[in-house]
Amino acid sequence: MLNLKEKDKRQHFFAGILIAGVLYPLLGHIAIVAAIACGLLKEYVVDEILPSGEPDIWDAVATASGAVLVGASVMLVELLLMVWSP
């Protein structure tokens, strides 16, 4: 279960925000997909293939949640600018 009270899940959540936020000016909405892919790849490559961690799908979900938050925020701002622009 996704519990953002856990330090590890919060770190993944903020990593999703950071990755999507940094890449968004360069890639647009594809940055959200890239951040989600980073979370999935981290869990699979680093934690599953390399013996450096414990794979956890909820870590990937936390990363994706942060990325989706960025995407939703940007889309909301774009919508508001369309509605209220002269």
PDB file of N, CA and C in Angstrom:
ATOM      1  N   MET A   1       0.838  -1.185   0.000  1.00  0.00           N
ATOM      2  CA  MET A   1       0.000   0.000   0.000  1.00  0.00           C
ATOM      3  C   MET A   1       0.879   1.243   0.000  1.00  0.00           C
ATOM      4  N   LEU A   2       0.418   2.261  -0.691  1.00  0.00           N
ATOM      5  CA  LEU A   2       1.170   3.507  -0.763  1.00  0.00           C
ATOM      6  C   LEU A   2       0.941   4.308   0.512  1.00  0.00           C
ATOM      7  N   ASN A   3       1.985   4.414   1.312  1.00  0.00           N
ATOM      8  CA  ASN A   3       1.918   5.151   2.568  1.00  0.00           C
ATOM      9  C   ASN A   3       3.017   6.206   2.541  1.00  0.00           C
ATOM     10  N   LEU A   4       2.641   7.448   2.278  1.00  0.00           N
ATOM     11  CA  LEU A   4       3.643   8.511   2.166  1.00  0.00           C
ATOM     12  C   LEU A   4       4.213   8.934   3.511  1.00  0.00           C
ATOM     13  N   LYS A   5       3.800   8.276   4.583  1.00  0.00           N
ATOM     14  CA  LYS A   5       4.416   8.540   5.878  1.00  0.00           C
ATOM     15  C   LYS A   5       5.770   7.851   5.976  1.00  0.00           C
ATOM     16  N   GLU A   6       5.990   6.825   5.145  1.00  0.00           N
ATOM     17  CA  GLU A   6       7.279   6.153   5.117  1.00  0.00           C
ATOM     18  C   GLU A   6       8.288   7.036   4.377  1.00  0.00           C
ATOM     19  N   LYS A   7       9.481   7.158   4.940  1.00  0.00           N
ATOM     20  CA  LYS A   7      10.502   8.022   4.360  1.00  0.00           C
ATOM     21  C   LYS A   7      10.839   7.598   2.932  1.00  0.00           C
ATOM     22  N   ASP A   8      10.957   6.306   2.690  1.00  0.00           N
ATOM     23  CA  ASP A   8      11.311   5.806   1.367  1.00  0.00           C
ATOM     24  C   ASP A   8      10.251   6.179   0.330  1.00  0.00           C
ATOM     25  N   LYS A   9       8.986   6.063   0.689  1.00  0.00           N
ATOM     26  CA  LYS A   9       7.916   6.397  -0.255  1.00  0.00           C
ATOM     27  C   LYS A   9       7.892   7.899  -0.540  1.00  0.00           C
ATOM     28  N   ARG A  10       8.145   8.709   0.480  1.00  0.00           N
ATOM     29  CA  ARG A  10       8.218  10.168   0.271  1.00  0.00           C
ATOM     30  C   ARG A  10       9.369  10.511  -0.666  1.00  0.00           C
ATOM     31  N   GLN A  11      10.495   9.827  -0.504  1.00  0.00           N
ATOM     32  CA  GLN A  11      11.637  10.084  -1.381  1.00  0.00           C
ATOM     33  C   GLN A  11      11.291   9.742  -2.829  1.00  0.00           C
ATOM     34  N   HIS A  12      10.605   8.643  -3.033  1.00  0.00           N
ATOM     35  CA  HIS A  12      10.188   8.273  -4.385  1.00  0.00           C
ATOM     36  C   HIS A  12       9.177   9.275  -4.939  1.00  0.00           C
ATOM     37  N   PHE A  13       8.247   9.723  -4.114  1.00  0.00           N
ATOM     38  CA  PHE A  13       7.249  10.712  -4.525  1.00  0.00           C
ATOM     39  C   PHE A  13       7.937  12.000  -4.982  1.00  0.00           C
ATOM     40  N   PHE A  14       8.868  12.493  -4.182  1.00  0.00           N
ATOM     41  CA  PHE A  14       9.563  13.726  -4.534  1.00  0.00           C
ATOM     42  C   PHE A  14      10.511  13.529  -5.712  1.00  0.00           C
ATOM     43  N   ALA A  15      11.050  12.321  -5.886  1.00  0.00           N
ATOM     44  CA  ALA A  15      11.862  12.037  -7.068  1.00  0.00           C
ATOM     45  C   ALA A  15      11.012  12.136  -8.326  1.00  0.00           C
ATOM     46  N   GLY A  16       9.780  11.634  -8.266  1.00  0.00           N
ATOM     47  CA  GLY A  16       8.874  11.757  -9.403  1.00  0.00           C
ATOM     48  C   GLY A  16       8.573  13.207  -9.728  1.00  0.00           C
ATOM     49  N   ILE A  17       8.353  14.012  -8.697  1.00  0.00           N
ATOM     50  CA  ILE A  17       8.119  15.444  -8.895  1.00  0.00           C
ATOM     51  C   ILE A  17       9.348  16.099  -9.515  1.00  0.00           C
ATOM     52  N   LEU A  18      10.518  15.787  -8.996  1.00  0.00           N
ATOM     53  CA  LEU A  18      11.759  16.390  -9.484  1.00  0.00           C
ATOM     54  C   LEU A  18      12.034  16.010 -10.933  1.00  0.00           C
ATOM     55  N   ILE A  19      11.949  14.728 -11.241  1.00  0.00           N
ATOM     56  CA  ILE A  19      12.244  14.273 -12.604  1.00  0.00           C
ATOM     57  C   ILE A  19      11.264  14.897 -13.590  1.00  0.00           C
ATOM     58  N   ALA A  20       9.979  14.821 -13.298  1.00  0.00           N
ATOM     59  CA  ALA A  20       8.974  15.377 -14.205  1.00  0.00           C
ATOM     60  C   ALA A  20       9.103  16.895 -14.306  1.00  0.00           C
ATOM     61  N   GLY A  21       9.361  17.546 -13.178  1.00  0.00           N
ATOM     62  CA  GLY A  21       9.478  19.002 -13.182  1.00  0.00           C
ATOM     63  C   GLY A  21      10.679  19.505 -13.958  1.00  0.00           C
ATOM     64  N   VAL A  22      11.794  18.814 -13.855  1.00  0.00           N
ATOM     65  CA  VAL A  22      13.003  19.226 -14.579  1.00  0.00           C
ATOM     66  C   VAL A  22      12.865  18.941 -16.073  1.00  0.00           C
ATOM     67  N   LEU A  23      12.277  17.799 -16.403  1.00  0.00           N
ATOM     68  CA  LEU A  23      12.172  17.423 -17.809  1.00  0.00           C
ATOM     69  C   LEU A  23      11.007  18.093 -18.540  1.00  0.00           C
ATOM     70  N   TYR A  24      10.026  18.593 -17.804  1.00  0.00           N
ATOM     71  CA  TYR A  24       8.832  19.139 -18.452  1.00  0.00           C
ATOM     72  C   TYR A  24       9.134  20.268 -19.442  1.00  0.00           C
ATOM     73  N   PRO A  25       9.991  21.227 -19.107  1.00  0.00           N
ATOM     74  CA  PRO A  25      10.274  22.286 -20.087  1.00  0.00           C
ATOM     75  C   PRO A  25      10.913  21.755 -21.372  1.00  0.00           C
ATOM     76  N   LEU A  26      11.596  20.625 -21.276  1.00  0.00           N
ATOM     77  CA  LEU A  26      12.261  20.057 -22.447  1.00  0.00           C
ATOM     78  C   LEU A  26      11.367  19.111 -23.241  1.00  0.00           C
ATOM     79  N   LEU A  27      10.562  18.321 -22.547  1.00  0.00           N
ATOM     80  CA  LEU A  27       9.818  17.241 -23.188  1.00  0.00           C
ATOM     81  C   LEU A  27       8.298  17.422 -23.184  1.00  0.00           C
ATOM     82  N   GLY A  28       7.802  18.384 -22.452  1.00  0.00           N
ATOM     83  CA  GLY A  28       6.356  18.546 -22.342  1.00  0.00           C
ATOM     84  C   GLY A  28       5.756  17.385 -21.556  1.00  0.00           C
ATOM     85  N   HIS A  29       4.588  16.923 -21.989  1.00  0.00           N
ATOM     86  CA  HIS A  29       3.889  15.873 -21.257  1.00  0.00           C
ATOM     87  C   HIS A  29       4.641  14.533 -21.270  1.00  0.00           C
ATOM     88  N   ILE A  30       5.561  14.368 -22.194  1.00  0.00           N
ATOM     89  CA  ILE A  30       6.363  13.139 -22.230  1.00  0.00           C
ATOM     90  C   ILE A  30       7.228  13.030 -20.973  1.00  0.00           C
ATOM     91  N   ALA A  31       7.496  14.146 -20.320  1.00  0.00           N
ATOM     92  CA  ALA A  31       8.279  14.129 -19.075  1.00  0.00           C
ATOM     93  C   ALA A  31       7.594  13.295 -18.009  1.00  0.00           C
ATOM     94  N   ILE A  32       6.273  13.268 -18.007  1.00  0.00           N
ATOM     95  CA  ILE A  32       5.529  12.463 -17.028  1.00  0.00           C
ATOM     96  C   ILE A  32       5.803  10.985 -17.279  1.00  0.00           C
ATOM     97  N   VAL A  33       5.745  10.593 -18.541  1.00  0.00           N
ATOM     98  CA  VAL A  33       6.031   9.200 -18.914  1.00  0.00           C
ATOM     99  C   VAL A  33       7.481   8.856 -18.572  1.00  0.00           C
ATOM    100  N   ALA A  34       8.390   9.786 -18.822  1.00  0.00           N
ATOM    101  CA  ALA A  34       9.804   9.545 -18.526  1.00  0.00           C
ATOM    102  C   ALA A  34      10.029   9.343 -17.025  1.00  0.00           C
ATOM    103  N   ALA A  35       9.368  10.128 -16.203  1.00  0.00           N
ATOM    104  CA  ALA A  35       9.513   9.982 -14.754  1.00  0.00           C
ATOM    105  C   ALA A  35       8.947   8.649 -14.276  1.00  0.00           C
ATOM    106  N   ILE A  36       7.814   8.248 -14.832  1.00  0.00           N
ATOM    107  CA  ILE A  36       7.231   6.953 -14.473  1.00  0.00           C
ATOM    108  C   ILE A  36       8.164   5.828 -14.900  1.00  0.00           C
ATOM    109  N   ALA A  37       8.730   5.949 -16.095  1.00  0.00           N
ATOM    110  CA  ALA A  37       9.673   4.940 -16.580  1.00  0.00           C
ATOM    111  C   ALA A  37      10.904   4.868 -15.687  1.00  0.00           C
ATOM    112  N   CYS A  38      11.387   6.014 -15.226  1.00  0.00           N
ATOM    113  CA  CYS A  38      12.536   6.022 -14.315  1.00  0.00           C
ATOM    114  C   CYS A  38      12.224   5.249 -13.029  1.00  0.00           C
ATOM    115  N   GLY A  39      11.040   5.468 -12.487  1.00  0.00           N
ATOM    116  CA  GLY A  39      10.652   4.754 -11.274  1.00  0.00           C
ATOM    117  C   GLY A  39      10.568   3.254 -11.492  1.00  0.00           C
ATOM    118  N   LEU A  40       9.983   2.853 -12.606  1.00  0.00           N
ATOM    119  CA  LEU A  40       9.882   1.423 -12.911  1.00  0.00           C
ATOM    120  C   LEU A  40      11.248   0.806 -13.174  1.00  0.00           C
ATOM    121  N   LEU A  41      12.077   1.517 -13.933  1.00  0.00           N
ATOM    122  CA  LEU A  41      13.419   1.005 -14.218  1.00  0.00           C
ATOM    123  C   LEU A  41      14.270   0.908 -12.959  1.00  0.00           C
ATOM    124  N   LYS A  42      14.136   1.869 -12.073  1.00  0.00           N
ATOM    125  CA  LYS A  42      14.896   1.816 -10.823  1.00  0.00           C
ATOM    126  C   LYS A  42      14.520   0.569 -10.037  1.00  0.00           C
ATOM    127  N   GLU A  43      13.240   0.311  -9.938  1.00  0.00           N
ATOM    128  CA  GLU A  43      12.801  -0.863  -9.174  1.00  0.00           C
ATOM    129  C   GLU A  43      13.245  -2.161  -9.835  1.00  0.00           C
ATOM    130  N   TYR A  44      13.208  -2.194 -11.162  1.00  0.00           N
ATOM    131  CA  TYR A  44      13.567  -3.434 -11.844  1.00  0.00           C
ATOM    132  C   TYR A  44      15.078  -3.609 -11.944  1.00  0.00           C
ATOM    133  N   VAL A  45      15.769  -2.606 -12.473  1.00  0.00           N
ATOM    134  CA  VAL A  45      17.205  -2.755 -12.726  1.00  0.00           C
ATOM    135  C   VAL A  45      18.006  -2.710 -11.437  1.00  0.00           C
ATOM    136  N   VAL A  46      17.812  -1.669 -10.654  1.00  0.00           N
ATOM    137  CA  VAL A  46      18.647  -1.499  -9.463  1.00  0.00           C
ATOM    138  C   VAL A  46      18.267  -2.485  -8.358  1.00  0.00           C
ATOM    139  N   ASP A  47      16.984  -2.666  -8.136  1.00  0.00           N
ATOM    140  CA  ASP A  47      16.564  -3.489  -7.000  1.00  0.00           C
ATOM    141  C   ASP A  47      16.352  -4.964  -7.348  1.00  0.00           C
ATOM    142  N   GLU A  48      15.981  -5.268  -8.593  1.00  0.00           N
ATOM    143  CA  GLU A  48      15.710  -6.661  -8.962  1.00  0.00           C
ATOM    144  C   GLU A  48      16.949  -7.331  -9.565  1.00  0.00           C
ATOM    145  N   ILE A  49      17.539  -6.713 -10.575  1.00  0.00           N
ATOM    146  CA  ILE A  49      18.664  -7.329 -11.267  1.00  0.00           C
ATOM    147  C   ILE A  49      19.948  -7.194 -10.460  1.00  0.00           C
ATOM    148  N   LEU A  50      20.244  -5.982 -10.024  1.00  0.00           N
ATOM    149  CA  LEU A  50      21.419  -5.768  -9.180  1.00  0.00           C
ATOM    150  C   LEU A  50      21.016  -6.052  -7.733  1.00  0.00           C
ATOM    151  N   PRO A  51      21.882  -6.687  -6.986  1.00  0.00           N
ATOM    152  CA  PRO A  51      21.485  -7.029  -5.605  1.00  0.00           C
ATOM    153  C   PRO A  51      21.673  -5.869  -4.630  1.00  0.00           C
ATOM    154  N   SER A  52      21.121  -4.701  -4.962  1.00  0.00           N
ATOM    155  CA  SER A  52      21.366  -3.545  -4.096  1.00  0.00           C
ATOM    156  C   SER A  52      20.128  -3.064  -3.357  1.00  0.00           C
ATOM    157  N   GLY A  53      19.030  -3.767  -3.483  1.00  0.00           N
ATOM    158  CA  GLY A  53      17.831  -3.309  -2.798  1.00  0.00           C
ATOM    159  C   GLY A  53      16.724  -4.327  -2.874  1.00  0.00           C
ATOM    160  N   GLU A  54      15.611  -3.957  -2.321  1.00  0.00           N
ATOM    161  CA  GLU A  54      14.415  -4.802  -2.306  1.00  0.00           C
ATOM    162  C   GLU A  54      13.399  -4.192  -3.266  1.00  0.00           C
ATOM    163  N   PRO A  55      13.052  -4.881  -4.362  1.00  0.00           N
ATOM    164  CA  PRO A  55      12.063  -4.303  -5.281  1.00  0.00           C
ATOM    165  C   PRO A  55      10.695  -4.165  -4.616  1.00  0.00           C
ATOM    166  N   ASP A  56      10.060  -3.027  -4.870  1.00  0.00           N
ATOM    167  CA  ASP A  56       8.757  -2.748  -4.273  1.00  0.00           C
ATOM    168  C   ASP A  56       7.929  -1.960  -5.276  1.00  0.00           C
ATOM    169  N   ILE A  57       6.837  -2.550  -5.728  1.00  0.00           N
ATOM    170  CA  ILE A  57       5.990  -1.884  -6.714  1.00  0.00           C
ATOM    171  C   ILE A  57       5.425  -0.583  -6.166  1.00  0.00           C
ATOM    172  N   TRP A  58       5.247  -0.489  -4.856  1.00  0.00           N
ATOM    173  CA  TRP A  58       4.703   0.730  -4.258  1.00  0.00           C
ATOM    174  C   TRP A  58       5.696   1.887  -4.330  1.00  0.00           C
ATOM    175  N   ASP A  59       7.000   1.579  -4.413  1.00  0.00           N
ATOM    176  CA  ASP A  59       7.978   2.632  -4.658  1.00  0.00           C
ATOM    177  C   ASP A  59       7.767   3.220  -6.048  1.00  0.00           C
ATOM    178  N   ALA A  60       7.531   2.363  -7.023  1.00  0.00           N
ATOM    179  CA  ALA A  60       7.266   2.834  -8.388  1.00  0.00           C
ATOM    180  C   ALA A  60       5.958   3.616  -8.444  1.00  0.00           C
ATOM    181  N   VAL A  61       4.962   3.180  -7.694  1.00  0.00           N
ATOM    182  CA  VAL A  61       3.687   3.896  -7.640  1.00  0.00           C
ATOM    183  C   VAL A  61       3.882   5.285  -7.019  1.00  0.00           C
ATOM    184  N   ALA A  62       4.705   5.370  -5.993  1.00  0.00           N
ATOM    185  CA  ALA A  62       4.977   6.673  -5.363  1.00  0.00           C
ATOM    186  C   ALA A  62       5.681   7.605  -6.340  1.00  0.00           C
ATOM    187  N   THR A  63       6.643   7.092  -7.099  1.00  0.00           N
ATOM    188  CA  THR A  63       7.330   7.902  -8.106  1.00  0.00           C
ATOM    189  C   THR A  63       6.342   8.371  -9.164  1.00  0.00           C
ATOM    190  N   ALA A  64       5.500   7.466  -9.636  1.00  0.00           N
ATOM    191  CA  ALA A  64       4.504   7.818 -10.641  1.00  0.00           C
ATOM    192  C   ALA A  64       3.513   8.852 -10.104  1.00  0.00           C
ATOM    193  N   SER A  65       3.156   8.738  -8.830  1.00  0.00           N
ATOM    194  CA  SER A  65       2.218   9.697  -8.228  1.00  0.00           C
ATOM    195  C   SER A  65       2.798  11.106  -8.238  1.00  0.00           C
ATOM    196  N   GLY A  66       4.075  11.227  -7.931  1.00  0.00           N
ATOM    197  CA  GLY A  66       4.717  12.536  -7.984  1.00  0.00           C
ATOM    198  C   GLY A  66       4.734  13.104  -9.391  1.00  0.00           C
ATOM    199  N   ALA A  67       5.014  12.239 -10.365  1.00  0.00           N
ATOM    200  CA  ALA A  67       5.038  12.676 -11.767  1.00  0.00           C
ATOM    201  C   ALA A  67       3.648  13.103 -12.226  1.00  0.00           C
ATOM    202  N   VAL A  68       2.640  12.342 -11.865  1.00  0.00           N
ATOM    203  CA  VAL A  68       1.269  12.672 -12.252  1.00  0.00           C
ATOM    204  C   VAL A  68       0.815  13.981 -11.599  1.00  0.00           C
ATOM    205  N   LEU A  69       1.261  14.228 -10.382  1.00  0.00           N
ATOM    206  CA  LEU A  69       0.939  15.494  -9.727  1.00  0.00           C
ATOM    207  C   LEU A  69       1.484  16.676 -10.522  1.00  0.00           C
ATOM    208  N   VAL A  70       2.702  16.546 -11.023  1.00  0.00           N
ATOM    209  CA  VAL A  70       3.279  17.607 -11.858  1.00  0.00           C
ATOM    210  C   VAL A  70       2.446  17.787 -13.123  1.00  0.00           C
ATOM    211  N   GLY A  71       2.130  16.681 -13.774  1.00  0.00           N
ATOM    212  CA  GLY A  71       1.335  16.763 -14.999  1.00  0.00           C
ATOM    213  C   GLY A  71      -0.022  17.394 -14.764  1.00  0.00           C
ATOM    214  N   ALA A  72      -0.690  17.003 -13.692  1.00  0.00           N
ATOM    215  CA  ALA A  72      -2.007  17.562 -13.381  1.00  0.00           C
ATOM    216  C   ALA A  72      -1.907  19.048 -13.062  1.00  0.00           C
ATOM    217  N   SER A  73      -0.869  19.429 -12.348  1.00  0.00           N
ATOM    218  CA  SER A  73      -0.676  20.842 -12.002  1.00  0.00           C
ATOM    219  C   SER A  73      -0.454  21.684 -13.246  1.00  0.00           C
ATOM    220  N   VAL A  74       0.392  21.192 -14.134  1.00  0.00           N
ATOM    221  CA  VAL A  74       0.666  21.931 -15.369  1.00  0.00           C
ATOM    222  C   VAL A  74      -0.594  22.031 -16.219  1.00  0.00           C
ATOM    223  N   MET A  75      -1.334  20.943 -16.325  1.00  0.00           N
ATOM    224  CA  MET A  75      -2.561  20.973 -17.124  1.00  0.00           C
ATOM    225  C   MET A  75      -3.589  21.925 -16.521  1.00  0.00           C
ATOM    226  N   LEU A  76      -3.682  21.985 -15.200  1.00  0.00           N
ATOM    227  CA  LEU A  76      -4.600  22.911 -14.550  1.00  0.00           C
ATOM    228  C   LEU A  76      -4.217  24.357 -14.847  1.00  0.00           C
ATOM    229  N   VAL A  77      -2.927  24.657 -14.757  1.00  0.00           N
ATOM    230  CA  VAL A  77      -2.468  26.021 -15.054  1.00  0.00           C
ATOM    231  C   VAL A  77      -2.741  26.360 -16.516  1.00  0.00           C
ATOM    232  N   GLU A  78      -2.459  25.415 -17.424  1.00  0.00           N
ATOM    233  CA  GLU A  78      -2.741  25.662 -18.842  1.00  0.00           C
ATOM    234  C   GLU A  78      -4.226  25.922 -19.073  1.00  0.00           C
ATOM    235  N   LEU A  79      -5.076  25.164 -18.412  1.00  0.00           N
ATOM    236  CA  LEU A  79      -6.520  25.333 -18.545  1.00  0.00           C
ATOM    237  C   LEU A  79      -6.953  26.706 -18.026  1.00  0.00           C
ATOM    238  N   LEU A  80      -6.434  27.073 -16.865  1.00  0.00           N
ATOM    239  CA  LEU A  80      -6.783  28.372 -16.288  1.00  0.00           C
ATOM    240  C   LEU A  80      -6.310  29.521 -17.172  1.00  0.00           C
ATOM    241  N   LEU A  81      -5.141  29.370 -17.772  1.00  0.00           N
ATOM    242  CA  LEU A  81      -4.637  30.412 -18.673  1.00  0.00           C
ATOM    243  C   LEU A  81      -5.489  30.511 -19.938  1.00  0.00           C
ATOM    244  N   MET A  82      -5.986  29.384 -20.420  1.00  0.00           N
ATOM    245  CA  MET A  82      -6.868  29.414 -21.599  1.00  0.00           C
ATOM    246  C   MET A  82      -8.187  30.107 -21.268  1.00  0.00           C
ATOM    247  N   VAL A  83      -8.719  29.839 -20.096  1.00  0.00           N
ATOM    248  CA  VAL A  83     -10.021  30.386 -19.721  1.00  0.00           C
ATOM    249  C   VAL A  83      -9.919  31.888 -19.452  1.00  0.00           C
ATOM    250  N   TRP A  84      -8.866  32.296 -18.789  1.00  0.00           N
ATOM    251  CA  TRP A  84      -8.793  33.700 -18.354  1.00  0.00           C
ATOM    252  C   TRP A  84      -7.895  34.568 -19.205  1.00  0.00           C
ATOM    253  N   SER A  85      -7.363  34.070 -20.303  1.00  0.00           N
ATOM    254  CA  SER A  85      -6.528  34.938 -21.139  1.00  0.00           C
ATOM    255  C   SER A  85      -7.432  35.746 -22.072  1.00  0.00           C
ATOM    256  N   PRO A  86      -6.992  36.964 -22.374  1.00  0.00           N
ATOM    257  CA  PRO A  86      -7.822  37.833 -23.217  1.00  0.00           C
ATOM    258  C   PRO A  86      -7.845  37.399 -24.659  1.00  0.00           C
TER     259      PRO A  86
END
